[in-house]
Amino acid sequence: MSMSSARLTLLAVLSLPAMACVNNPDIAGKAVVALDGETLNYDTGDDGRRFVKTGERWSTGCFLKDSLPEMALDRARDDNPPISGISLDVERKDDGGEPLPNVTMDIGEDFYDGFCHVVATVGSDPREVDFSTGDCELQRALDGHPALLVSALFHVKECDE
C-alpha cells in the first residue's frame, strides 16, 4: 500500500463517522507499541480507564457499517505525543469476501499500518463496542520499517450504527 493510499484510507476512516451523523463517542483505552527498542504508550488517561471524546485535545469516531465496527482516536499533535492516532477496523473486501482487519497508527511523524487480527465485541447495548488486537507487526508506509503493536484495548460508548 502506498503512503498516499494509506493516508486516504485513514482519512476515510476518520471522515466516515462525521458523514454518518456520528456523535462524538466516549472512548477509553490504551495501546502499547515497541519501536526501535523503545516502548511507546498511547493512553486516554488513568491507565486507559479515562473516557475521552472529541474536544480540545482528542478526536473520536466509531460506527458500525454492515455490522463491521470501526473506531478512530486521535490526539492533538501539539501535545507532542509519541503516538498521535490509531484506528482499528474490519472492512469487507470489494469482492464480498471475508472481513479484512486493519490497524493504522500515527507514530511520531510517520504513518504505520498492518493487517492485525482485530476483535470487536458488541455488547448487549449495540452502541457499546470493545476493540482489541495485539502481537501484530505494523509497517511504516514510507519504507516498510517495522513496529510491533504489542497490545491495544479500547472501549467505545455511543458507537453509531
C-alpha atoms as a PDB file:
ATOM      1  CA  MET A   1       0.000   0.000   0.000  1.00  0.00           C
ATOM      2  CA  SER A   2       1.451   3.352  -0.972  1.00  0.00           C
ATOM      3  CA  MET A   3       1.739   6.147   1.553  1.00  0.00           C
ATOM      4  CA  SER A   4      -0.867   8.247  -0.256  1.00  0.00           C
ATOM      5  CA  SER A   5      -3.400   5.401  -0.402  1.00  0.00           C
ATOM      6  CA  ALA A   6      -2.688   4.553   3.240  1.00  0.00           C
ATOM      7  CA  ARG A   7      -3.338   8.152   4.240  1.00  0.00           C
ATOM      8  CA  LEU A   8      -6.526   8.180   2.151  1.00  0.00           C
ATOM      9  CA  THR A   9      -7.660   5.031   3.952  1.00  0.00           C
ATOM     10  CA  LEU A  10      -7.045   6.694   7.307  1.00  0.00           C
ATOM     11  CA  LEU A  11      -8.815   9.856   6.186  1.00  0.00           C
ATOM     12  CA  ALA A  12     -11.770   7.804   5.015  1.00  0.00           C
ATOM     13  CA  VAL A  13     -11.981   6.028   8.363  1.00  0.00           C
ATOM     14  CA  LEU A  14     -11.799   9.325  10.205  1.00  0.00           C
ATOM     15  CA  SER A  15     -14.234  11.083   7.878  1.00  0.00           C
ATOM     16  CA  LEU A  16     -16.967   8.473   7.600  1.00  0.00           C
ATOM     17  CA  PRO A  17     -18.228   8.886  11.153  1.00  0.00           C
ATOM     18  CA  ALA A  18     -18.781  12.580  10.542  1.00  0.00           C
ATOM     19  CA  MET A  19     -20.648  11.872   7.323  1.00  0.00           C
ATOM     20  CA  ALA A  20     -22.907   9.352   9.064  1.00  0.00           C
ATOM     21  CA  CYS A  21     -24.140  11.973  11.554  1.00  0.00           C
ATOM     22  CA  VAL A  22     -21.944  10.462  14.169  1.00  0.00           C
ATOM     23  CA  ASN A  23     -21.795  11.540  17.646  1.00  0.00           C
ATOM     24  CA  ASN A  24     -18.515  12.005  19.326  1.00  0.00           C
ATOM     25  CA  PRO A  25     -18.338   8.705  21.156  1.00  0.00           C
ATOM     26  CA  ASP A  26     -16.653   8.281  24.503  1.00  0.00           C
ATOM     27  CA  ILE A  27     -13.533   6.118  24.132  1.00  0.00           C
ATOM     28  CA  ALA A  28     -11.267   4.722  26.856  1.00  0.00           C
ATOM     29  CA  GLY A  29      -8.241   2.539  26.363  1.00  0.00           C
ATOM     30  CA  LYS A  30      -4.599   2.198  25.558  1.00  0.00           C
ATOM     31  CA  ALA A  31      -2.171   0.743  23.072  1.00  0.00           C
ATOM     32  CA  VAL A  32       1.436  -0.356  23.561  1.00  0.00           C
ATOM     33  CA  VAL A  33       3.922  -0.315  20.673  1.00  0.00           C
ATOM     34  CA  ALA A  34       7.540  -1.486  20.545  1.00  0.00           C
ATOM     35  CA  LEU A  35       9.642   0.538  18.112  1.00  0.00           C
ATOM     36  CA  ASP A  36      13.432   0.520  17.774  1.00  0.00           C
ATOM     37  CA  GLY A  37      13.951  -0.835  21.306  1.00  0.00           C
ATOM     38  CA  GLU A  38      11.532   1.652  22.908  1.00  0.00           C
ATOM     39  CA  THR A  39       8.102   1.009  24.374  1.00  0.00           C
ATOM     40  CA  LEU A  40       5.554   3.664  23.418  1.00  0.00           C
ATOM     41  CA  ASN A  41       2.177   4.034  25.137  1.00  0.00           C
ATOM     42  CA  TYR A  42      -0.966   5.589  23.712  1.00  0.00           C
ATOM     43  CA  ASP A  43      -3.312   6.099  26.637  1.00  0.00           C
ATOM     44  CA  THR A  44      -6.537   8.037  27.178  1.00  0.00           C
ATOM     45  CA  GLY A  45      -5.534   8.533  30.826  1.00  0.00           C
ATOM     46  CA  ASP A  46      -5.669   6.670  34.128  1.00  0.00           C
ATOM     47  CA  ASP A  47      -4.047   3.617  32.509  1.00  0.00           C
ATOM     48  CA  GLY A  48      -6.682   3.525  29.771  1.00  0.00           C
ATOM     49  CA  ARG A  49      -9.685   3.836  32.103  1.00  0.00           C
ATOM     50  CA  ARG A  50     -10.484   7.517  31.480  1.00  0.00           C
ATOM     51  CA  PHE A  51     -13.024   8.200  28.738  1.00  0.00           C
ATOM     52  CA  VAL A  52     -12.330  10.958  26.221  1.00  0.00           C
ATOM     53  CA  LYS A  53     -14.461  12.438  23.451  1.00  0.00           C
ATOM     54  CA  THR A  54     -13.979  14.915  20.657  1.00  0.00           C
ATOM     55  CA  GLY A  55     -12.935  18.218  22.109  1.00  0.00           C
ATOM     56  CA  GLU A  56      -9.887  20.363  22.581  1.00  0.00           C
ATOM     57  CA  ARG A  57      -7.278  17.549  22.779  1.00  0.00           C
ATOM     58  CA  TRP A  58      -8.964  14.492  21.208  1.00  0.00           C
ATOM     59  CA  SER A  59     -10.958  13.482  18.143  1.00  0.00           C
ATOM     60  CA  THR A  60     -13.060  10.308  18.406  1.00  0.00           C
ATOM     61  CA  GLY A  61     -15.128   8.307  15.972  1.00  0.00           C
ATOM     62  CA  CYS A  62     -16.877   4.954  15.802  1.00  0.00           C
ATOM     63  CA  PHE A  63     -19.503   3.403  13.599  1.00  0.00           C
ATOM     64  CA  LEU A  64     -20.915   0.054  12.583  1.00  0.00           C
ATOM     65  CA  LYS A  65     -21.065  -0.464   8.830  1.00  0.00           C
ATOM     66  CA  ASP A  66     -22.747  -3.689   7.724  1.00  0.00           C
ATOM     67  CA  SER A  67     -22.230  -4.983  11.285  1.00  0.00           C
ATOM     68  CA  LEU A  68     -18.473  -4.361  10.962  1.00  0.00           C
ATOM     69  CA  PRO A  69     -17.235  -1.882  13.591  1.00  0.00           C
ATOM     70  CA  GLU A  70     -14.564   0.765  13.074  1.00  0.00           C
ATOM     71  CA  MET A  71     -13.078   3.198  15.567  1.00  0.00           C
ATOM     72  CA  ALA A  72     -10.614   6.067  15.353  1.00  0.00           C
ATOM     73  CA  LEU A  73      -8.948   8.052  18.110  1.00  0.00           C
ATOM     74  CA  ASP A  74      -6.607  10.987  17.528  1.00  0.00           C
ATOM     75  CA  ARG A  75      -4.775  13.204  19.982  1.00  0.00           C
ATOM     76  CA  ALA A  76      -3.735  16.801  19.356  1.00  0.00           C
ATOM     77  CA  ARG A  77      -0.263  16.847  17.801  1.00  0.00           C
ATOM     78  CA  ASP A  78       0.737  19.980  19.674  1.00  0.00           C
ATOM     79  CA  ASP A  79       0.920  17.780  22.799  1.00  0.00           C
ATOM     80  CA  ASN A  80       3.884  16.063  21.052  1.00  0.00           C
ATOM     81  CA  PRO A  81       2.691  12.557  21.923  1.00  0.00           C
ATOM     82  CA  PRO A  82       4.861   9.703  20.629  1.00  0.00           C
ATOM     83  CA  ILE A  83       1.669   8.232  19.126  1.00  0.00           C
ATOM     84  CA  SER A  84      -0.951  10.689  17.916  1.00  0.00           C
ATOM     85  CA  GLY A  85      -3.561   8.465  16.303  1.00  0.00           C
ATOM     86  CA  ILE A  86      -4.941   4.950  15.969  1.00  0.00           C
ATOM     87  CA  SER A  87      -7.749   3.340  14.031  1.00  0.00           C
ATOM     88  CA  LEU A  88      -8.965  -0.230  14.379  1.00  0.00           C
ATOM     89  CA  ASP A  89     -11.347  -1.513  11.766  1.00  0.00           C
ATOM     90  CA  VAL A  90     -12.693  -4.533   9.990  1.00  0.00           C
ATOM     91  CA  GLU A  91     -13.729  -3.881   6.405  1.00  0.00           C
ATOM     92  CA  ARG A  92     -15.399  -6.063   3.832  1.00  0.00           C
ATOM     93  CA  LYS A  93     -13.295  -6.774   0.753  1.00  0.00           C
ATOM     94  CA  ASP A  94     -14.613  -5.373  -2.514  1.00  0.00           C
ATOM     95  CA  ASP A  95     -15.269  -8.889  -3.799  1.00  0.00           C
ATOM     96  CA  GLY A  96     -17.592  -9.602  -0.870  1.00  0.00           C
ATOM     97  CA  GLY A  97     -15.072 -11.980   0.672  1.00  0.00           C
ATOM     98  CA  GLU A  98     -14.054 -12.426   4.271  1.00  0.00           C
ATOM     99  CA  PRO A  99     -13.750  -9.365   6.522  1.00  0.00           C
ATOM    100  CA  LEU A 100     -10.322  -7.728   6.324  1.00  0.00           C
ATOM    101  CA  PRO A 101      -8.976  -6.316   9.620  1.00  0.00           C
ATOM    102  CA  ASN A 102      -6.672  -3.316   9.600  1.00  0.00           C
ATOM    103  CA  VAL A 103      -4.836  -1.158  12.129  1.00  0.00           C
ATOM    104  CA  THR A 104      -3.327   2.229  11.358  1.00  0.00           C
ATOM    105  CA  MET A 105      -1.260   4.418  13.673  1.00  0.00           C
ATOM    106  CA  ASP A 106       0.498   7.754  13.521  1.00  0.00           C
ATOM    107  CA  ILE A 107       3.778   7.307  15.393  1.00  0.00           C
ATOM    108  CA  GLY A 108       5.838  10.471  15.548  1.00  0.00           C
ATOM    109  CA  GLU A 109       5.670  11.971  12.063  1.00  0.00           C
ATOM    110  CA  ASP A 110       5.215   8.573  10.396  1.00  0.00           C
ATOM    111  CA  PHE A 111       2.172   6.597   9.285  1.00  0.00           C
ATOM    112  CA  TYR A 112       2.130   2.848  10.055  1.00  0.00           C
ATOM    113  CA  ASP A 113      -0.372   0.186   9.175  1.00  0.00           C
ATOM    114  CA  GLY A 114      -0.821  -3.560   9.261  1.00  0.00           C
ATOM    115  CA  PHE A 115      -3.286  -6.380   8.844  1.00  0.00           C
ATOM    116  CA  CYS A 116      -3.831  -7.200  12.500  1.00  0.00           C
ATOM    117  CA  HIS A 117      -6.479  -9.540  13.885  1.00  0.00           C
ATOM    118  CA  VAL A 118      -8.975  -7.032  15.307  1.00  0.00           C
ATOM    119  CA  VAL A 119     -11.619  -8.354  17.677  1.00  0.00           C
ATOM    120  CA  ALA A 120     -14.644  -6.096  18.031  1.00  0.00           C
ATOM    121  CA  THR A 121     -17.188  -7.278  20.579  1.00  0.00           C
ATOM    122  CA  VAL A 122     -20.605  -5.663  20.613  1.00  0.00           C
ATOM    123  CA  GLY A 123     -22.292  -5.985  23.999  1.00  0.00           C
ATOM    124  CA  SER A 124     -25.958  -6.145  24.941  1.00  0.00           C
ATOM    125  CA  ASP A 125     -26.128  -2.435  24.101  1.00  0.00           C
ATOM    126  CA  PRO A 126     -25.310  -2.426  20.369  1.00  0.00           C
ATOM    127  CA  ARG A 127     -23.733   1.019  20.694  1.00  0.00           C
ATOM    128  CA  GLU A 128     -21.037  -0.205  23.121  1.00  0.00           C
ATOM    129  CA  VAL A 129     -18.104  -1.944  21.482  1.00  0.00           C
ATOM    130  CA  ASP A 130     -14.829  -3.349  22.826  1.00  0.00           C
ATOM    131  CA  PHE A 131     -11.932  -3.379  20.354  1.00  0.00           C
ATOM    132  CA  SER A 132      -8.765  -5.387  20.927  1.00  0.00           C
ATOM    133  CA  THR A 133      -5.733  -6.529  18.994  1.00  0.00           C
ATOM    134  CA  GLY A 134      -2.075  -7.199  19.625  1.00  0.00           C
ATOM    135  CA  ASP A 135       1.099  -9.050  18.799  1.00  0.00           C
ATOM    136  CA  CYS A 136       0.984  -7.627  15.311  1.00  0.00           C
ATOM    137  CA  GLU A 137       3.578  -6.069  13.034  1.00  0.00           C
ATOM    138  CA  LEU A 138       2.851  -2.644  11.620  1.00  0.00           C
ATOM    139  CA  GLN A 139       4.919  -1.217   8.784  1.00  0.00           C
ATOM    140  CA  ARG A 140       5.893   2.366   8.149  1.00  0.00           C
ATOM    141  CA  ALA A 141       4.286   3.447   4.878  1.00  0.00           C
ATOM    142  CA  LEU A 142       7.412   5.288   3.729  1.00  0.00           C
ATOM    143  CA  ASP A 143       9.843   2.357   3.771  1.00  0.00           C
ATOM    144  CA  GLY A 144       8.310  -0.675   5.487  1.00  0.00           C
ATOM    145  CA  HIS A 145      10.239  -0.161   8.749  1.00  0.00           C
ATOM    146  CA  PRO A 146       8.531  -2.398  11.350  1.00  0.00           C
ATOM    147  CA  ALA A 147       6.900  -1.580  14.667  1.00  0.00           C
ATOM    148  CA  LEU A 148       5.271  -4.177  16.918  1.00  0.00           C
ATOM    149  CA  LEU A 149       1.793  -3.427  18.191  1.00  0.00           C
ATOM    150  CA  VAL A 150       2.104  -5.279  21.491  1.00  0.00           C
ATOM    151  CA  SER A 151      -1.495  -4.696  22.565  1.00  0.00           C
ATOM    152  CA  ALA A 152      -4.453  -2.392  22.051  1.00  0.00           C
ATOM    153  CA  LEU A 153      -7.678  -2.429  24.034  1.00  0.00           C
ATOM    154  CA  PHE A 154     -10.370   0.240  23.713  1.00  0.00           C
ATOM    155  CA  HIS A 155     -13.955   0.526  24.955  1.00  0.00           C
ATOM    156  CA  VAL A 156     -16.344   2.739  22.975  1.00  0.00           C
ATOM    157  CA  LYS A 157     -19.655   4.117  24.212  1.00  0.00           C
ATOM    158  CA  GLU A 158     -22.166   5.513  21.719  1.00  0.00           C
ATOM    159  CA  CYS A 159     -20.833   3.887  18.535  1.00  0.00           C
ATOM    160  CA  ASP A 160     -23.179   4.880  15.699  1.00  0.00           C
ATOM    161  CA  GLU A 161     -24.960   2.287  13.610  1.00  0.00           C
END
